Amino acid sequence: MTERLTMLGLEVEVCRKSPARSTVSSSRRSSRANKHPNADKLSLCRVNDGTGERQIVCGAQNFKAG
């Protein structure tokens, strides 16, 4: 999996197996983005991955809600 992400141009720093999730999912639409209460360079976002809405912490600056 890490090789695929690297070939897509994404940097993989650490890869850990999680018993809770065995797949990687992506979202193309963010429904809401707010500043993280405890970090200046992070955002709390609500995204829909096709199976439901999830809250994620995002460090990217090149996105907006919608």
PDB file of N, CA and C in Angstrom:
ATOM      1  N   MET A   1       0.822  -1.194   0.000  1.00  0.00           N
ATOM      2  CA  MET A   1       0.000   0.000   0.000  1.00  0.00           C
ATOM      3  C   MET A   1       0.863   1.255   0.000  1.00  0.00           C
ATOM      4  N   THR A   2       1.929   1.280   0.786  1.00  0.00           N
ATOM      5  CA  THR A   2       2.763   2.475   0.846  1.00  0.00           C
ATOM      6  C   THR A   2       3.410   2.774  -0.500  1.00  0.00           C
ATOM      7  N   GLU A   3       3.762   1.726  -1.254  1.00  0.00           N
ATOM      8  CA  GLU A   3       4.355   1.937  -2.567  1.00  0.00           C
ATOM      9  C   GLU A   3       3.369   2.626  -3.505  1.00  0.00           C
ATOM     10  N   ARG A   4       2.112   2.237  -3.452  1.00  0.00           N
ATOM     11  CA  ARG A   4       1.076   2.852  -4.298  1.00  0.00           C
ATOM     12  C   ARG A   4       0.897   4.332  -3.967  1.00  0.00           C
ATOM     13  N   LEU A   5       0.851   4.643  -2.674  1.00  0.00           N
ATOM     14  CA  LEU A   5       0.696   6.034  -2.263  1.00  0.00           C
ATOM     15  C   LEU A   5       1.895   6.871  -2.691  1.00  0.00           C
ATOM     16  N   THR A   6       3.097   6.313  -2.556  1.00  0.00           N
ATOM     17  CA  THR A   6       4.296   7.029  -2.977  1.00  0.00           C
ATOM     18  C   THR A   6       4.280   7.280  -4.479  1.00  0.00           C
ATOM     19  N   MET A   7       3.856   6.302  -5.257  1.00  0.00           N
ATOM     20  CA  MET A   7       3.789   6.473  -6.715  1.00  0.00           C
ATOM     21  C   MET A   7       2.745   7.520  -7.119  1.00  0.00           C
ATOM     22  N   LEU A   8       1.765   7.764  -6.268  1.00  0.00           N
ATOM     23  CA  LEU A   8       0.766   8.804  -6.525  1.00  0.00           C
ATOM     24  C   LEU A   8       1.271  10.189  -6.129  1.00  0.00           C
ATOM     25  N   GLY A   9       2.475  10.244  -5.564  1.00  0.00           N
ATOM     26  CA  GLY A   9       3.050  11.526  -5.178  1.00  0.00           C
ATOM     27  C   GLY A   9       2.796  11.902  -3.732  1.00  0.00           C
ATOM     28  N   LEU A  10       2.328  10.953  -2.935  1.00  0.00           N
ATOM     29  CA  LEU A  10       2.061  11.215  -1.518  1.00  0.00           C
ATOM     30  C   LEU A  10       3.211  10.678  -0.683  1.00  0.00           C
ATOM     31  N   GLU A  11       3.615  11.446   0.299  1.00  0.00           N
ATOM     32  CA  GLU A  11       4.706  11.026   1.174  1.00  0.00           C
ATOM     33  C   GLU A  11       4.151  10.161   2.303  1.00  0.00           C
ATOM     34  N   VAL A  12       4.717   8.987   2.492  1.00  0.00           N
ATOM     35  CA  VAL A  12       4.306   8.081   3.558  1.00  0.00           C
ATOM     36  C   VAL A  12       5.395   8.082   4.611  1.00  0.00           C
ATOM     37  N   GLU A  13       5.060   8.585   5.795  1.00  0.00           N
ATOM     38  CA  GLU A  13       6.040   8.653   6.873  1.00  0.00           C
ATOM     39  C   GLU A  13       5.982   7.398   7.732  1.00  0.00           C
ATOM     40  N   VAL A  14       4.781   6.955   8.092  1.00  0.00           N
ATOM     41  CA  VAL A  14       4.601   5.788   8.938  1.00  0.00           C
ATOM     42  C   VAL A  14       3.396   5.004   8.427  1.00  0.00           C
ATOM     43  N   CYS A  15       3.491   3.694   8.488  1.00  0.00           N
ATOM     44  CA  CYS A  15       2.358   2.847   8.103  1.00  0.00           C
ATOM     45  C   CYS A  15       2.143   1.830   9.219  1.00  0.00           C
ATOM     46  N   ARG A  16       0.949   1.858   9.795  1.00  0.00           N
ATOM     47  CA  ARG A  16       0.611   0.927  10.872  1.00  0.00           C
ATOM     48  C   ARG A  16      -0.669   0.190  10.523  1.00  0.00           C
ATOM     49  N   LYS A  17      -0.735  -1.058  10.859  1.00  0.00           N
ATOM     50  CA  LYS A  17      -1.944  -1.849  10.651  1.00  0.00           C
ATOM     51  C   LYS A  17      -2.933  -1.518  11.756  1.00  0.00           C
ATOM     52  N   SER A  18      -4.154  -1.184  11.380  1.00  0.00           N
ATOM     53  CA  SER A  18      -5.182  -0.849  12.350  1.00  0.00           C
ATOM     54  C   SER A  18      -6.254  -1.935  12.354  1.00  0.00           C
ATOM     55  N   PRO A  19      -6.593  -2.451  13.520  1.00  0.00           N
ATOM     56  CA  PRO A  19      -7.644  -3.463  13.559  1.00  0.00           C
ATOM     57  C   PRO A  19      -9.016  -2.869  13.237  1.00  0.00           C
ATOM     58  N   ALA A  20      -9.175  -1.560  13.417  1.00  0.00           N
ATOM     59  CA  ALA A  20     -10.476  -0.932  13.199  1.00  0.00           C
ATOM     60  C   ALA A  20     -10.766  -0.727  11.716  1.00  0.00           C
ATOM     61  N   ARG A  21      -9.752  -0.408  10.902  1.00  0.00           N
ATOM     62  CA  ARG A  21      -9.944  -0.137   9.475  1.00  0.00           C
ATOM     63  C   ARG A  21      -8.909  -0.908   8.681  1.00  0.00           C
ATOM     64  N   SER A  22      -9.358  -1.593   7.664  1.00  0.00           N
ATOM     65  CA  SER A  22      -8.424  -2.337   6.828  1.00  0.00           C
ATOM     66  C   SER A  22      -8.346  -1.760   5.423  1.00  0.00           C
ATOM     67  N   THR A  23      -9.000  -0.618   5.179  1.00  0.00           N
ATOM     68  CA  THR A  23      -8.972  -0.019   3.854  1.00  0.00           C
ATOM     69  C   THR A  23      -8.621   1.466   3.953  1.00  0.00           C
ATOM     70  N   VAL A  24      -8.213   2.011   2.848  1.00  0.00           N
ATOM     71  CA  VAL A  24      -7.974   3.443   2.737  1.00  0.00           C
ATOM     72  C   VAL A  24      -9.115   4.014   1.932  1.00  0.00           C
ATOM     73  N   SER A  25      -9.689   5.102   2.396  1.00  0.00           N
ATOM     74  CA  SER A  25     -10.775   5.724   1.646  1.00  0.00           C
ATOM     75  C   SER A  25     -10.426   7.177   1.386  1.00  0.00           C
ATOM     76  N   SER A  26     -11.069   7.735   0.401  1.00  0.00           N
ATOM     77  CA  SER A  26     -10.824   9.135   0.086  1.00  0.00           C
ATOM     78  C   SER A  26     -12.154   9.837  -0.126  1.00  0.00           C
ATOM     79  N   SER A  27     -12.113  11.121  -0.018  1.00  0.00           N
ATOM     80  CA  SER A  27     -13.308  11.937  -0.203  1.00  0.00           C
ATOM     81  C   SER A  27     -12.977  13.084  -1.135  1.00  0.00           C
ATOM     82  N   ARG A  28     -13.908  13.440  -1.992  1.00  0.00           N
ATOM     83  CA  ARG A  28     -13.698  14.551  -2.908  1.00  0.00           C
ATOM     84  C   ARG A  28     -14.435  15.796  -2.450  1.00  0.00           C
ATOM     85  N   ARG A  29     -15.229  15.684  -1.406  1.00  0.00           N
ATOM     86  CA  ARG A  29     -16.012  16.830  -0.979  1.00  0.00           C
ATOM     87  C   ARG A  29     -15.977  16.970   0.540  1.00  0.00           C
ATOM     88  N   SER A  30     -15.675  18.167   0.964  1.00  0.00           N
ATOM     89  CA  SER A  30     -15.694  18.502   2.378  1.00  0.00           C
ATOM     90  C   SER A  30     -16.929  19.354   2.633  1.00  0.00           C
ATOM     91  N   SER A  31     -17.762  18.930   3.572  1.00  0.00           N
ATOM     92  CA  SER A  31     -18.995  19.674   3.832  1.00  0.00           C
ATOM     93  C   SER A  31     -18.781  20.819   4.817  1.00  0.00           C
ATOM     94  N   ARG A  32     -17.732  20.719   5.620  1.00  0.00           N
ATOM     95  CA  ARG A  32     -17.480  21.759   6.618  1.00  0.00           C
ATOM     96  C   ARG A  32     -16.004  21.734   7.003  1.00  0.00           C
ATOM     97  N   ALA A  33     -15.421  22.895   7.204  1.00  0.00           N
ATOM     98  CA  ALA A  33     -14.026  22.980   7.635  1.00  0.00           C
ATOM     99  C   ALA A  33     -13.896  24.099   8.664  1.00  0.00           C
ATOM    100  N   ASN A  34     -13.397  23.756   9.832  1.00  0.00           N
ATOM    101  CA  ASN A  34     -13.196  24.722  10.914  1.00  0.00           C
ATOM    102  C   ASN A  34     -11.764  24.619  11.417  1.00  0.00           C
ATOM    103  N   LYS A  35     -11.273  25.689  12.006  1.00  0.00           N
ATOM    104  CA  LYS A  35      -9.932  25.651  12.600  1.00  0.00           C
ATOM    105  C   LYS A  35      -9.907  24.663  13.761  1.00  0.00           C
ATOM    106  N   HIS A  36      -8.805  23.962  13.881  1.00  0.00           N
ATOM    107  CA  HIS A  36      -8.613  23.034  14.990  1.00  0.00           C
ATOM    108  C   HIS A  36      -8.437  23.860  16.268  1.00  0.00           C
ATOM    109  N   PRO A  37      -9.101  23.496  17.359  1.00  0.00           N
ATOM    110  CA  PRO A  37      -9.035  24.306  18.576  1.00  0.00           C
ATOM    111  C   PRO A  37      -7.666  24.290  19.258  1.00  0.00           C
ATOM    112  N   ASN A  38      -6.848  23.273  18.995  1.00  0.00           N
ATOM    113  CA  ASN A  38      -5.563  23.150  19.692  1.00  0.00           C
ATOM    114  C   ASN A  38      -4.349  23.231  18.765  1.00  0.00           C
ATOM    115  N   ALA A  39      -4.553  23.636  17.514  1.00  0.00           N
ATOM    116  CA  ALA A  39      -3.426  23.699  16.578  1.00  0.00           C
ATOM    117  C   ALA A  39      -3.663  24.787  15.543  1.00  0.00           C
ATOM    118  N   ASP A  40      -2.649  25.571  15.280  1.00  0.00           N
ATOM    119  CA  ASP A  40      -2.779  26.677  14.334  1.00  0.00           C
ATOM    120  C   ASP A  40      -2.828  26.230  12.878  1.00  0.00           C
ATOM    121  N   LYS A  41      -2.131  25.150  12.552  1.00  0.00           N
ATOM    122  CA  LYS A  41      -2.006  24.751  11.148  1.00  0.00           C
ATOM    123  C   LYS A  41      -2.875  23.557  10.775  1.00  0.00           C
ATOM    124  N   LEU A  42      -3.827  23.181  11.629  1.00  0.00           N
ATOM    125  CA  LEU A  42      -4.704  22.054  11.346  1.00  0.00           C
ATOM    126  C   LEU A  42      -6.153  22.511  11.258  1.00  0.00           C
ATOM    127  N   SER A  43      -6.963  21.736  10.536  1.00  0.00           N
ATOM    128  CA  SER A  43      -8.398  22.003  10.422  1.00  0.00           C
ATOM    129  C   SER A  43      -9.174  20.759  10.826  1.00  0.00           C
ATOM    130  N   LEU A  44     -10.364  20.953  11.377  1.00  0.00           N
ATOM    131  CA  LEU A  44     -11.305  19.869  11.613  1.00  0.00           C
ATOM    132  C   LEU A  44     -12.307  19.919  10.470  1.00  0.00           C
ATOM    133  N   CYS A  45     -12.424  18.829   9.741  1.00  0.00           N
ATOM    134  CA  CYS A  45     -13.278  18.805   8.552  1.00  0.00           C
ATOM    135  C   CYS A  45     -14.308  17.701   8.661  1.00  0.00           C
ATOM    136  N   ARG A  46     -15.461  17.927   8.083  1.00  0.00           N
ATOM    137  CA  ARG A  46     -16.489  16.899   7.923  1.00  0.00           C
ATOM    138  C   ARG A  46     -16.475  16.526   6.460  1.00  0.00           C
ATOM    139  N   VAL A  47     -16.243  15.252   6.160  1.00  0.00           N
ATOM    140  CA  VAL A  47     -16.189  14.774   4.783  1.00  0.00           C
ATOM    141  C   VAL A  47     -17.103  13.572   4.620  1.00  0.00           C
ATOM    142  N   ASN A  48     -17.551  13.348   3.403  1.00  0.00           N
ATOM    143  CA  ASN A  48     -18.361  12.184   3.088  1.00  0.00           C
ATOM    144  C   ASN A  48     -17.537  11.277   2.198  1.00  0.00           C
ATOM    145  N   ASP A  49     -17.322  10.032   2.630  1.00  0.00           N
ATOM    146  CA  ASP A  49     -16.506   9.088   1.862  1.00  0.00           C
ATOM    147  C   ASP A  49     -17.347   8.129   1.028  1.00  0.00           C
ATOM    148  N   GLY A  50     -18.615   8.414   0.888  1.00  0.00           N
ATOM    149  CA  GLY A  50     -19.487   7.545   0.105  1.00  0.00           C
ATOM    150  C   GLY A  50     -20.286   6.578   0.960  1.00  0.00           C
ATOM    151  N   THR A  51     -19.811   6.318   2.171  1.00  0.00           N
ATOM    152  CA  THR A  51     -20.541   5.433   3.076  1.00  0.00           C
ATOM    153  C   THR A  51     -21.124   6.195   4.254  1.00  0.00           C
ATOM    154  N   GLY A  52     -20.708   7.439   4.423  1.00  0.00           N
ATOM    155  CA  GLY A  52     -21.207   8.257   5.516  1.00  0.00           C
ATOM    156  C   GLY A  52     -20.292   9.436   5.759  1.00  0.00           C
ATOM    157  N   GLU A  53     -20.727  10.305   6.646  1.00  0.00           N
ATOM    158  CA  GLU A  53     -19.950  11.494   6.959  1.00  0.00           C
ATOM    159  C   GLU A  53     -18.999  11.194   8.110  1.00  0.00           C
ATOM    160  N   ARG A  54     -17.780  11.694   7.993  1.00  0.00           N
ATOM    161  CA  ARG A  54     -16.759  11.464   9.006  1.00  0.00           C
ATOM    162  C   ARG A  54     -16.086  12.774   9.366  1.00  0.00           C
ATOM    163  N   GLN A  55     -15.550  12.848  10.564  1.00  0.00           N
ATOM    164  CA  GLN A  55     -14.755  14.004  10.970  1.00  0.00           C
ATOM    165  C   GLN A  55     -13.292  13.611  10.880  1.00  0.00           C
ATOM    166  N   ILE A  56     -12.498  14.452  10.237  1.00  0.00           N
ATOM    167  CA  ILE A  56     -11.070  14.184  10.111  1.00  0.00           C
ATOM    168  C   ILE A  56     -10.280  15.426  10.527  1.00  0.00           C
ATOM    169  N   VAL A  57      -9.028  15.223  10.856  1.00  0.00           N
ATOM    170  CA  VAL A  57      -8.100  16.319  11.095  1.00  0.00           C
ATOM    171  C   VAL A  57      -7.248  16.428   9.841  1.00  0.00           C
ATOM    172  N   CYS A  58      -7.155  17.638   9.307  1.00  0.00           N
ATOM    173  CA  CYS A  58      -6.478  17.851   8.031  1.00  0.00           C
ATOM    174  C   CYS A  58      -5.400  18.918   8.174  1.00  0.00           C
ATOM    175  N   GLY A  59      -4.236  18.654   7.601  1.00  0.00           N
ATOM    176  CA  GLY A  59      -3.149  19.617   7.624  1.00  0.00           C
ATOM    177  C   GLY A  59      -2.982  20.354   6.311  1.00  0.00           C
ATOM    178  N   ALA A  60      -3.750  19.980   5.304  1.00  0.00           N
ATOM    179  CA  ALA A  60      -3.639  20.629   3.988  1.00  0.00           C
ATOM    180  C   ALA A  60      -4.211  22.037   4.049  1.00  0.00           C
ATOM    181  N   GLN A  61      -3.661  22.911   3.244  1.00  0.00           N
ATOM    182  CA  GLN A  61      -4.147  24.285   3.171  1.00  0.00           C
ATOM    183  C   GLN A  61      -4.823  24.561   1.838  1.00  0.00           C
ATOM    184  N   ASN A  62      -4.790  23.630   0.906  1.00  0.00           N
ATOM    185  CA  ASN A  62      -5.276  23.862  -0.444  1.00  0.00           C
ATOM    186  C   ASN A  62      -6.687  23.276  -0.670  1.00  0.00           C
ATOM    187  N   PHE A  63      -7.589  23.509   0.254  1.00  0.00           N
ATOM    188  CA  PHE A  63      -8.953  23.019   0.100  1.00  0.00           C
ATOM    189  C   PHE A  63      -9.918  24.020   0.722  1.00  0.00           C
ATOM    190  N   LYS A  64     -11.182  23.842   0.432  1.00  0.00           N
ATOM    191  CA  LYS A  64     -12.241  24.631   1.088  1.00  0.00           C
ATOM    192  C   LYS A  64     -13.492  23.777   1.133  1.00  0.00           C
ATOM    193  N   ALA A  65     -14.405  24.125   1.998  1.00  0.00           N
ATOM    194  CA  ALA A  65     -15.663  23.362   2.113  1.00  0.00           C
ATOM    195  C   ALA A  65     -16.428  23.453   0.805  1.00  0.00           C
ATOM    196  N   GLY A  66     -17.042  22.342   0.423  1.00  0.00           N
ATOM    197  CA  GLY A  66     -17.819  22.303  -0.823  1.00  0.00           C
ATOM    198  C   GLY A  66     -16.993  21.815  -1.960  1.00  0.00           C
TER     199      GLY A  66
END
